[in-house]
Amino acid sequence: MEVHWFDAGHLGEGIEQDIKHFELMLKFAYRVLGVLEKSGVSTATQY
């Protein structure tokens, strides 16, 4: 299980946070499909 906590109130953090969320979603999908391991791309994300 992977959990990412996000708490920014009603307005949120805007576009940068949206980009981070899409990155997390894409990396999850790639891991499920096994794409990142085969391509050698790191799945580590530092915030």
Protein backbone atom coordinates (compact mmCIF):
# COMPACT_ATOMS: atom_id res chain seq x y z
CA MET A 1 0.00 0.00 0.00
CA GLU A 2 1.24 3.48 -0.81
CA VAL A 3 -0.16 6.56 0.93
CA HIS A 4 0.51 10.20 0.11
CA TRP A 5 -0.94 12.68 2.58
CA PHE A 6 -2.16 16.00 1.22
CA ASP A 7 -3.72 18.76 3.33
CA ALA A 8 -3.98 22.23 1.81
CA GLY A 9 -7.43 23.47 2.75
CA HIS A 10 -10.15 24.53 0.33
CA LEU A 11 -8.04 26.17 -2.36
CA GLY A 12 -5.19 23.67 -2.51
CA GLU A 13 -1.68 24.42 -3.70
CA GLY A 14 -2.57 24.94 -7.32
CA ILE A 15 -0.86 23.79 -10.47
CA GLU A 16 2.39 22.53 -8.90
CA GLN A 17 0.49 20.17 -6.59
CA ASP A 18 -1.65 19.01 -9.52
CA ILE A 19 1.53 18.16 -11.44
CA LYS A 20 2.87 16.18 -8.46
CA HIS A 21 -0.42 14.26 -8.26
CA PHE A 22 -0.30 13.38 -11.96
CA GLU A 23 3.31 12.27 -11.56
CA LEU A 24 2.32 9.98 -8.69
CA MET A 25 -0.57 8.54 -10.69
CA LEU A 26 1.56 7.91 -13.77
CA LYS A 27 4.38 6.30 -11.77
CA PHE A 28 1.85 4.04 -10.06
CA ALA A 29 0.37 2.99 -13.41
CA TYR A 30 3.84 2.38 -14.87
CA ARG A 31 4.81 0.25 -11.85
CA VAL A 32 1.63 -1.82 -12.21
CA LEU A 33 2.36 -2.35 -15.90
CA GLY A 34 6.07 -3.01 -15.25
CA VAL A 35 7.15 -0.23 -17.60
CA LEU A 36 9.60 1.64 -15.34
CA GLU A 37 11.58 -1.40 -14.27
CA LYS A 38 12.18 -2.43 -17.89
CA SER A 39 13.21 1.06 -18.99
CA GLY A 40 15.59 1.64 -16.08
CA VAL A 41 13.77 4.82 -15.00
CA SER A 42 13.89 5.44 -11.26
CA THR A 43 10.56 5.39 -9.44
CA ALA A 44 11.94 7.40 -6.52
CA THR A 45 10.41 10.83 -6.02
CA GLN A 46 11.71 13.35 -3.53
CA TYR A 47 9.61 16.25 -2.32
